[in-house]
Amino acid sequence: MRRPALILFPLLASLLLPPTVRAGTSIDLMAEASLPAANDLIRAVVYAEASGSDAADVARRVNQEIAEGLRLAKSKPGITVKTGNQQTYPIYAKDRRIDSWRMHAEFLLESRDVAMLSELLGRLQQMKLALGNISQSPSDATRREVEESATRDAIKAFERRAGIVASTLGKAYKIKSLSIQQAGSMPPPMPMRAARAMLMADAAPAPIEAGESTLTVTVSGQIEQTD
C-alpha cells in the first residue's frame, strides 16, 4: 500500500515548486531617453487684410502691402520667405445681398537668426502688416543631432534593463526584436492676439525667447531567454 505514495510524492513536490523561466521564454521590454533641443528655428506668419465695397480695390491694397513686405523680407540674409494663404470672401448685408468684400493674404518667414527676424517683424509692423503667430522648433540639423544622442541613450537603457531582467532570472538572453520611435514636445504657436501685442507702433524689435523643446526616443522590443 505504500508504493503508490512513494510514486506520487515526487509528483506532488514538483507541483508545489515555483515555476522556472525556461530557455526560449520571450520577455517584452521598453526604455526611453529624453534630451533638450534648442528651438533655433523661428517661424512667423505675417499678413495683410482689407475690406471695402470694391473687390478690385481691396485686392489692390492687400497685394500692394504684401508685395512691399516681401521685398523687404527677401532683402534680409538668413531669412527664408514663403508665400501663404490668400482668401477673398463677400460680406453679406441683412437682406443677404453682398455688402462688401474682405481679403486676407499672408506669407511665412523662417530664420535661425532670432535678432534679425525680430527686427524685421518690427519693420513690417511699421508698414501696416500684422503678425499672425510665432512658432519655435529645433531646426532639422539640431533635431537630427539630438535624436541621435537620445537614440543611443535609449538603446543603452534598453540593454541595461534587459541585463537586469536576465541576471535576476539567472539566464542569458538575446534580442529578438527592436523598435525605435521618436517624439517631441514643443511650445505651441503664439496666438494671433498675443503676437500682435509684441510689436509696438514704433517698430521696436519683437522680444522673442526661443527656449527649448524636449525630444524623446522610445525603444521597445523583445528579448529571449537562452541557456
C-alpha atoms as a PDB file:
ATOM      1  CA  MET A   1       0.000   0.000   0.000  1.00  0.00           C
ATOM      2  CA  ARG A   2       2.983   2.318   0.390  1.00  0.00           C
ATOM      3  CA  ARG A   3       4.308   2.032  -3.190  1.00  0.00           C
ATOM      4  CA  PRO A   4       1.716   4.430  -4.717  1.00  0.00           C
ATOM      5  CA  ALA A   5       2.541   7.016  -2.052  1.00  0.00           C
ATOM      6  CA  LEU A   6       6.228   6.814  -2.961  1.00  0.00           C
ATOM      7  CA  ILE A   7       5.374   7.331  -6.619  1.00  0.00           C
ATOM      8  CA  LEU A   8       3.037  10.278  -6.015  1.00  0.00           C
ATOM      9  CA  PHE A   9       5.339  12.224  -3.653  1.00  0.00           C
ATOM     10  CA  PRO A  10       7.810  13.422  -6.272  1.00  0.00           C
ATOM     11  CA  LEU A  11       4.907  14.497  -8.497  1.00  0.00           C
ATOM     12  CA  LEU A  12       3.272  16.383  -5.630  1.00  0.00           C
ATOM     13  CA  ALA A  13       6.550  18.059  -4.731  1.00  0.00           C
ATOM     14  CA  SER A  14       7.095  19.231  -8.331  1.00  0.00           C
ATOM     15  CA  LEU A  15       3.639  20.813  -8.358  1.00  0.00           C
ATOM     16  CA  LEU A  16       4.465  22.797  -5.219  1.00  0.00           C
ATOM     17  CA  LEU A  17       7.757  24.193  -6.546  1.00  0.00           C
ATOM     18  CA  PRO A  18       7.710  27.729  -8.050  1.00  0.00           C
ATOM     19  CA  PRO A  19       7.694  27.901 -11.867  1.00  0.00           C
ATOM     20  CA  THR A  20      11.034  28.475 -13.589  1.00  0.00           C
ATOM     21  CA  VAL A  21      11.804  30.557 -16.654  1.00  0.00           C
ATOM     22  CA  ARG A  22      12.907  28.195 -19.383  1.00  0.00           C
ATOM     23  CA  ALA A  23      15.173  28.866 -22.302  1.00  0.00           C
ATOM     24  CA  GLY A  24      13.168  30.284 -25.198  1.00  0.00           C
ATOM     25  CA  THR A  25      10.857  32.351 -22.992  1.00  0.00           C
ATOM     26  CA  SER A  26      10.222  35.795 -24.543  1.00  0.00           C
ATOM     27  CA  ILE A  27      10.013  38.985 -22.469  1.00  0.00           C
ATOM     28  CA  ASP A  28       8.763  42.388 -23.671  1.00  0.00           C
ATOM     29  CA  LEU A  29      10.730  45.440 -22.547  1.00  0.00           C
ATOM     30  CA  MET A  30      10.676  49.202 -23.101  1.00  0.00           C
ATOM     31  CA  ALA A  31      13.057  52.058 -22.306  1.00  0.00           C
ATOM     32  CA  GLU A  32      13.254  55.725 -23.265  1.00  0.00           C
ATOM     33  CA  ALA A  33      15.554  58.735 -23.146  1.00  0.00           C
ATOM     34  CA  SER A  34      14.728  62.451 -23.345  1.00  0.00           C
ATOM     35  CA  LEU A  35      17.071  65.319 -24.189  1.00  0.00           C
ATOM     36  CA  PRO A  36      16.524  69.084 -24.581  1.00  0.00           C
ATOM     37  CA  ALA A  37      16.851  70.601 -28.060  1.00  0.00           C
ATOM     38  CA  ALA A  38      17.298  74.312 -28.676  1.00  0.00           C
ATOM     39  CA  ASN A  39      14.457  75.981 -30.585  1.00  0.00           C
ATOM     40  CA  ASP A  40      16.854  77.535 -33.071  1.00  0.00           C
ATOM     41  CA  LEU A  41      14.316  77.890 -35.906  1.00  0.00           C
ATOM     42  CA  ILE A  42      11.659  80.614 -35.611  1.00  0.00           C
ATOM     43  CA  ARG A  43       8.611  80.798 -37.897  1.00  0.00           C
ATOM     44  CA  ALA A  44       6.340  83.821 -38.153  1.00  0.00           C
ATOM     45  CA  VAL A  45       3.183  84.393 -40.186  1.00  0.00           C
ATOM     46  CA  VAL A  46       2.765  87.953 -41.482  1.00  0.00           C
ATOM     47  CA  TYR A  47      -0.480  89.035 -43.151  1.00  0.00           C
ATOM     48  CA  ALA A  48      -2.431  91.937 -44.636  1.00  0.00           C
ATOM     49  CA  GLU A  49      -6.206  92.414 -44.571  1.00  0.00           C
ATOM     50  CA  ALA A  50      -8.573  94.942 -46.108  1.00  0.00           C
ATOM     51  CA  SER A  51     -12.267  95.305 -46.786  1.00  0.00           C
ATOM     52  CA  GLY A  52     -14.421  97.533 -48.970  1.00  0.00           C
ATOM     53  CA  SER A  53     -17.264  97.679 -51.452  1.00  0.00           C
ATOM     54  CA  ASP A  54     -14.962  97.349 -54.481  1.00  0.00           C
ATOM     55  CA  ALA A  55     -13.356  93.891 -54.645  1.00  0.00           C
ATOM     56  CA  ALA A  56     -10.709  95.064 -57.120  1.00  0.00           C
ATOM     57  CA  ASP A  57      -9.663  97.940 -54.866  1.00  0.00           C
ATOM     58  CA  VAL A  58      -9.489  95.635 -51.848  1.00  0.00           C
ATOM     59  CA  ALA A  59      -7.254  93.235 -53.771  1.00  0.00           C
ATOM     60  CA  ARG A  60      -5.032  96.067 -54.971  1.00  0.00           C
ATOM     61  CA  ARG A  61      -4.446  97.375 -51.440  1.00  0.00           C
ATOM     62  CA  VAL A  62      -3.726  93.961 -49.945  1.00  0.00           C
ATOM     63  CA  ASN A  63      -1.443  92.871 -52.789  1.00  0.00           C
ATOM     64  CA  GLN A  64       0.491  96.122 -52.565  1.00  0.00           C
ATOM     65  CA  GLU A  65       1.115  95.709 -48.828  1.00  0.00           C
ATOM     66  CA  ILE A  66       2.131  92.077 -49.276  1.00  0.00           C
ATOM     67  CA  ALA A  67       4.462  92.943 -52.176  1.00  0.00           C
ATOM     68  CA  GLU A  68       6.208  95.655 -50.151  1.00  0.00           C
ATOM     69  CA  GLY A  69       6.605  93.297 -47.206  1.00  0.00           C
ATOM     70  CA  LEU A  70       8.009  90.556 -49.423  1.00  0.00           C
ATOM     71  CA  ARG A  71      10.568  92.921 -50.966  1.00  0.00           C
ATOM     72  CA  LEU A  72      11.833  93.911 -47.535  1.00  0.00           C
ATOM     73  CA  ALA A  73      11.881  90.342 -46.203  1.00  0.00           C
ATOM     74  CA  LYS A  74      13.731  88.970 -49.235  1.00  0.00           C
ATOM     75  CA  SER A  75      16.422  91.617 -48.857  1.00  0.00           C
ATOM     76  CA  LYS A  76      17.431  90.208 -45.470  1.00  0.00           C
ATOM     77  CA  PRO A  77      20.093  87.478 -45.459  1.00  0.00           C
ATOM     78  CA  GLY A  78      19.294  84.400 -43.425  1.00  0.00           C
ATOM     79  CA  ILE A  79      15.527  84.856 -43.796  1.00  0.00           C
ATOM     80  CA  THR A  80      13.519  82.283 -45.743  1.00  0.00           C
ATOM     81  CA  VAL A  81      10.311  83.655 -47.264  1.00  0.00           C
ATOM     82  CA  LYS A  82       7.371  81.517 -48.383  1.00  0.00           C
ATOM     83  CA  THR A  83       4.026  82.639 -49.747  1.00  0.00           C
ATOM     84  CA  GLY A  84       0.985  81.619 -47.729  1.00  0.00           C
ATOM     85  CA  ASN A  85      -2.788  81.513 -47.915  1.00  0.00           C
ATOM     86  CA  GLN A  86      -4.847  84.111 -49.758  1.00  0.00           C
ATOM     87  CA  GLN A  87      -8.610  84.447 -49.382  1.00  0.00           C
ATOM     88  CA  THR A  88     -11.240  86.829 -50.719  1.00  0.00           C
ATOM     89  CA  TYR A  89     -14.806  86.483 -49.489  1.00  0.00           C
ATOM     90  CA  PRO A  90     -18.015  88.526 -49.518  1.00  0.00           C
ATOM     91  CA  ILE A  91     -19.631  90.135 -46.504  1.00  0.00           C
ATOM     92  CA  TYR A  92     -23.423  89.973 -46.683  1.00  0.00           C
ATOM     93  CA  ALA A  93     -25.958  92.517 -45.501  1.00  0.00           C
ATOM     94  CA  LYS A  94     -29.129  91.574 -43.628  1.00  0.00           C
ATOM     95  CA  ASP A  95     -31.036  91.103 -46.884  1.00  0.00           C
ATOM     96  CA  ARG A  96     -28.422  88.541 -47.974  1.00  0.00           C
ATOM     97  CA  ARG A  97     -27.016  90.822 -50.624  1.00  0.00           C
ATOM     98  CA  ILE A  98     -23.268  91.356 -50.858  1.00  0.00           C
ATOM     99  CA  ASP A  99     -22.463  94.454 -48.839  1.00  0.00           C
ATOM    100  CA  SER A 100     -18.648  94.457 -49.153  1.00  0.00           C
ATOM    101  CA  TRP A 101     -15.575  92.321 -49.763  1.00  0.00           C
ATOM    102  CA  ARG A 102     -12.785  91.240 -47.469  1.00  0.00           C
ATOM    103  CA  MET A 103      -9.366  89.889 -48.423  1.00  0.00           C
ATOM    104  CA  HIS A 104      -6.673  88.191 -46.356  1.00  0.00           C
ATOM    105  CA  ALA A 105      -3.176  87.338 -47.662  1.00  0.00           C
ATOM    106  CA  GLU A 106      -0.122  86.134 -45.784  1.00  0.00           C
ATOM    107  CA  PHE A 107       3.456  84.965 -46.093  1.00  0.00           C
ATOM    108  CA  LEU A 108       5.700  82.867 -43.863  1.00  0.00           C
ATOM    109  CA  LEU A 109       9.116  83.842 -42.513  1.00  0.00           C
ATOM    110  CA  GLU A 110      11.684  81.347 -41.212  1.00  0.00           C
ATOM    111  CA  SER A 111      15.077  82.069 -39.711  1.00  0.00           C
ATOM    112  CA  ARG A 112      17.674  80.828 -37.241  1.00  0.00           C
ATOM    113  CA  ASP A 113      18.763  84.416 -36.648  1.00  0.00           C
ATOM    114  CA  VAL A 114      16.393  85.477 -33.866  1.00  0.00           C
ATOM    115  CA  ALA A 115      17.720  89.040 -33.627  1.00  0.00           C
ATOM    116  CA  MET A 116      17.358  89.720 -37.346  1.00  0.00           C
ATOM    117  CA  LEU A 117      13.870  88.218 -37.514  1.00  0.00           C
ATOM    118  CA  SER A 118      12.786  90.280 -34.502  1.00  0.00           C
ATOM    119  CA  GLU A 119      13.980  93.482 -36.168  1.00  0.00           C
ATOM    120  CA  LEU A 120      12.314  92.541 -39.460  1.00  0.00           C
ATOM    121  CA  LEU A 121       8.972  91.896 -37.769  1.00  0.00           C
ATOM    122  CA  GLY A 122       9.120  95.324 -36.176  1.00  0.00           C
ATOM    123  CA  ARG A 123       9.705  96.996 -39.548  1.00  0.00           C
ATOM    124  CA  LEU A 124       6.912  95.036 -41.193  1.00  0.00           C
ATOM    125  CA  GLN A 125       4.553  96.224 -38.480  1.00  0.00           C
ATOM    126  CA  GLN A 126       5.521  99.772 -39.331  1.00  0.00           C
ATOM    127  CA  MET A 127       4.428  99.010 -42.902  1.00  0.00           C
ATOM    128  CA  LYS A 128       0.910  98.174 -41.613  1.00  0.00           C
ATOM    129  CA  LEU A 129       1.388  94.427 -41.863  1.00  0.00           C
ATOM    130  CA  ALA A 130       0.186  92.307 -38.950  1.00  0.00           C
ATOM    131  CA  LEU A 131       1.746  89.335 -37.193  1.00  0.00           C
ATOM    132  CA  GLY A 132      -0.383  86.184 -37.152  1.00  0.00           C
ATOM    133  CA  ASN A 133       1.616  83.893 -34.879  1.00  0.00           C
ATOM    134  CA  ILE A 134       5.138  82.862 -33.988  1.00  0.00           C
ATOM    135  CA  SER A 135       6.235  79.241 -33.547  1.00  0.00           C
ATOM    136  CA  GLN A 136       9.552  77.856 -32.359  1.00  0.00           C
ATOM    137  CA  SER A 137      11.136  74.488 -33.028  1.00  0.00           C
ATOM    138  CA  PRO A 138      14.524  72.823 -33.420  1.00  0.00           C
ATOM    139  CA  SER A 139      15.975  73.102 -36.910  1.00  0.00           C
ATOM    140  CA  ASP A 140      16.399  69.888 -38.918  1.00  0.00           C
ATOM    141  CA  ALA A 141      20.133  69.754 -38.149  1.00  0.00           C
ATOM    142  CA  THR A 142      19.600  70.288 -34.414  1.00  0.00           C
ATOM    143  CA  ARG A 143      16.764  67.748 -34.308  1.00  0.00           C
ATOM    144  CA  ARG A 144      18.880  65.071 -36.025  1.00  0.00           C
ATOM    145  CA  GLU A 145      21.816  65.635 -33.691  1.00  0.00           C
ATOM    146  CA  VAL A 146      19.718  65.474 -30.520  1.00  0.00           C
ATOM    147  CA  GLU A 147      17.658  62.494 -31.736  1.00  0.00           C
ATOM    148  CA  GLU A 148      20.836  60.554 -32.489  1.00  0.00           C
ATOM    149  CA  SER A 149      22.135  61.183 -28.956  1.00  0.00           C
ATOM    150  CA  ALA A 150      18.767  60.285 -27.419  1.00  0.00           C
ATOM    151  CA  THR A 151      18.611  57.108 -29.530  1.00  0.00           C
ATOM    152  CA  ARG A 152      21.997  55.978 -28.232  1.00  0.00           C
ATOM    153  CA  ASP A 153      20.918  56.680 -24.641  1.00  0.00           C
ATOM    154  CA  ALA A 154      17.601  54.836 -25.106  1.00  0.00           C
ATOM    155  CA  ILE A 155      19.306  51.758 -26.578  1.00  0.00           C
ATOM    156  CA  LYS A 156      21.775  51.679 -23.691  1.00  0.00           C
ATOM    157  CA  ALA A 157      18.866  51.959 -21.252  1.00  0.00           C
ATOM    158  CA  PHE A 158      17.120  49.046 -23.000  1.00  0.00           C
ATOM    159  CA  GLU A 159      20.267  46.934 -22.763  1.00  0.00           C
ATOM    160  CA  ARG A 160      20.655  47.738 -19.060  1.00  0.00           C
ATOM    161  CA  ARG A 161      17.053  46.766 -18.389  1.00  0.00           C
ATOM    162  CA  ALA A 162      17.436  43.535 -20.362  1.00  0.00           C
ATOM    163  CA  GLY A 163      20.592  42.723 -18.384  1.00  0.00           C
ATOM    164  CA  ILE A 164      18.805  43.297 -15.070  1.00  0.00           C
ATOM    165  CA  VAL A 165      15.933  41.009 -16.075  1.00  0.00           C
ATOM    166  CA  ALA A 166      18.256  38.292 -17.370  1.00  0.00           C
ATOM    167  CA  SER A 167      20.551  38.319 -14.335  1.00  0.00           C
ATOM    168  CA  THR A 168      17.595  38.259 -11.954  1.00  0.00           C
ATOM    169  CA  LEU A 169      16.182  35.195 -13.722  1.00  0.00           C
ATOM    170  CA  GLY A 170      19.606  33.586 -13.930  1.00  0.00           C
ATOM    171  CA  LYS A 171      19.568  33.258 -17.703  1.00  0.00           C
ATOM    172  CA  ALA A 172      21.459  34.752 -20.612  1.00  0.00           C
ATOM    173  CA  TYR A 173      19.443  36.485 -23.323  1.00  0.00           C
ATOM    174  CA  LYS A 174      19.365  37.532 -26.940  1.00  0.00           C
ATOM    175  CA  ILE A 175      17.374  40.330 -28.577  1.00  0.00           C
ATOM    176  CA  LYS A 176      14.568  39.056 -30.809  1.00  0.00           C
ATOM    177  CA  SER A 177      13.096  42.381 -31.978  1.00  0.00           C
ATOM    178  CA  LEU A 178      13.637  46.095 -31.503  1.00  0.00           C
ATOM    179  CA  SER A 179      11.516  49.147 -32.375  1.00  0.00           C
ATOM    180  CA  ILE A 180      12.649  52.787 -32.120  1.00  0.00           C
ATOM    181  CA  GLN A 181      10.247  55.740 -32.077  1.00  0.00           C
ATOM    182  CA  GLN A 182      10.882  59.488 -31.790  1.00  0.00           C
ATOM    183  CA  ALA A 183       8.581  62.101 -30.297  1.00  0.00           C
ATOM    184  CA  GLY A 184       8.909  65.757 -29.410  1.00  0.00           C
ATOM    185  CA  SER A 185       7.316  68.219 -27.038  1.00  0.00           C
ATOM    186  CA  MET A 186       7.437  71.789 -28.357  1.00  0.00           C
ATOM    187  CA  PRO A 187       5.822  75.032 -27.220  1.00  0.00           C
ATOM    188  CA  PRO A 188       2.544  75.810 -29.029  1.00  0.00           C
ATOM    189  CA  PRO A 189       2.426  78.668 -31.564  1.00  0.00           C
ATOM    190  CA  MET A 190       1.883  82.068 -30.017  1.00  0.00           C
ATOM    191  CA  PRO A 191      -1.746  83.090 -30.720  1.00  0.00           C
ATOM    192  CA  MET A 192      -2.517  85.985 -33.043  1.00  0.00           C
ATOM    193  CA  ARG A 193      -3.610  88.466 -30.386  1.00  0.00           C
ATOM    194  CA  ALA A 194      -0.550  87.919 -28.201  1.00  0.00           C
ATOM    195  CA  ALA A 195       1.803  88.014 -31.181  1.00  0.00           C
ATOM    196  CA  ARG A 196       0.407  91.303 -32.415  1.00  0.00           C
ATOM    197  CA  ALA A 197       0.817  92.828 -28.958  1.00  0.00           C
ATOM    198  CA  MET A 198       4.521  92.067 -29.098  1.00  0.00           C
ATOM    199  CA  LEU A 199       5.079  94.582 -31.887  1.00  0.00           C
ATOM    200  CA  MET A 200       4.888  98.225 -30.859  1.00  0.00           C
ATOM    201  CA  ALA A 201       3.925 101.138 -33.105  1.00  0.00           C
ATOM    202  CA  ASP A 202       7.479 102.455 -33.071  1.00  0.00           C
ATOM    203  CA  ALA A 203       8.660  99.247 -34.779  1.00  0.00           C
ATOM    204  CA  ALA A 204      10.773  98.106 -31.845  1.00  0.00           C
ATOM    205  CA  PRO A 205      12.242  94.595 -32.290  1.00  0.00           C
ATOM    206  CA  ALA A 206       9.851  91.868 -31.194  1.00  0.00           C
ATOM    207  CA  PRO A 207      11.086  90.209 -27.960  1.00  0.00           C
ATOM    208  CA  ILE A 208      11.378  86.543 -28.996  1.00  0.00           C
ATOM    209  CA  GLU A 209      12.635  83.973 -26.496  1.00  0.00           C
ATOM    210  CA  ALA A 210      13.467  80.756 -28.355  1.00  0.00           C
ATOM    211  CA  GLY A 211      13.700  78.370 -25.385  1.00  0.00           C
ATOM    212  CA  GLU A 212      13.961  74.597 -25.735  1.00  0.00           C
ATOM    213  CA  SER A 213      11.940  71.582 -26.805  1.00  0.00           C
ATOM    214  CA  THR A 214      12.154  68.071 -25.389  1.00  0.00           C
ATOM    215  CA  LEU A 215      12.870  65.213 -27.783  1.00  0.00           C
ATOM    216  CA  THR A 216      12.120  61.682 -26.579  1.00  0.00           C
ATOM    217  CA  VAL A 217      13.221  58.403 -28.120  1.00  0.00           C
ATOM    218  CA  THR A 218      11.458  55.194 -27.053  1.00  0.00           C
ATOM    219  CA  VAL A 219      12.996  51.775 -27.636  1.00  0.00           C
ATOM    220  CA  SER A 220      10.708  48.784 -27.256  1.00  0.00           C
ATOM    221  CA  GLY A 221      11.486  45.199 -28.079  1.00  0.00           C
ATOM    222  CA  GLN A 222      11.544  41.591 -27.048  1.00  0.00           C
ATOM    223  CA  ILE A 223      14.314  39.504 -25.565  1.00  0.00           C
ATOM    224  CA  GLU A 224      14.511  35.721 -25.392  1.00  0.00           C
ATOM    225  CA  GLN A 225      15.995  33.745 -22.501  1.00  0.00           C
ATOM    226  CA  THR A 226      18.787  31.377 -23.515  1.00  0.00           C
ATOM    227  CA  ASP A 227      20.851  28.722 -21.701  1.00  0.00           C
END
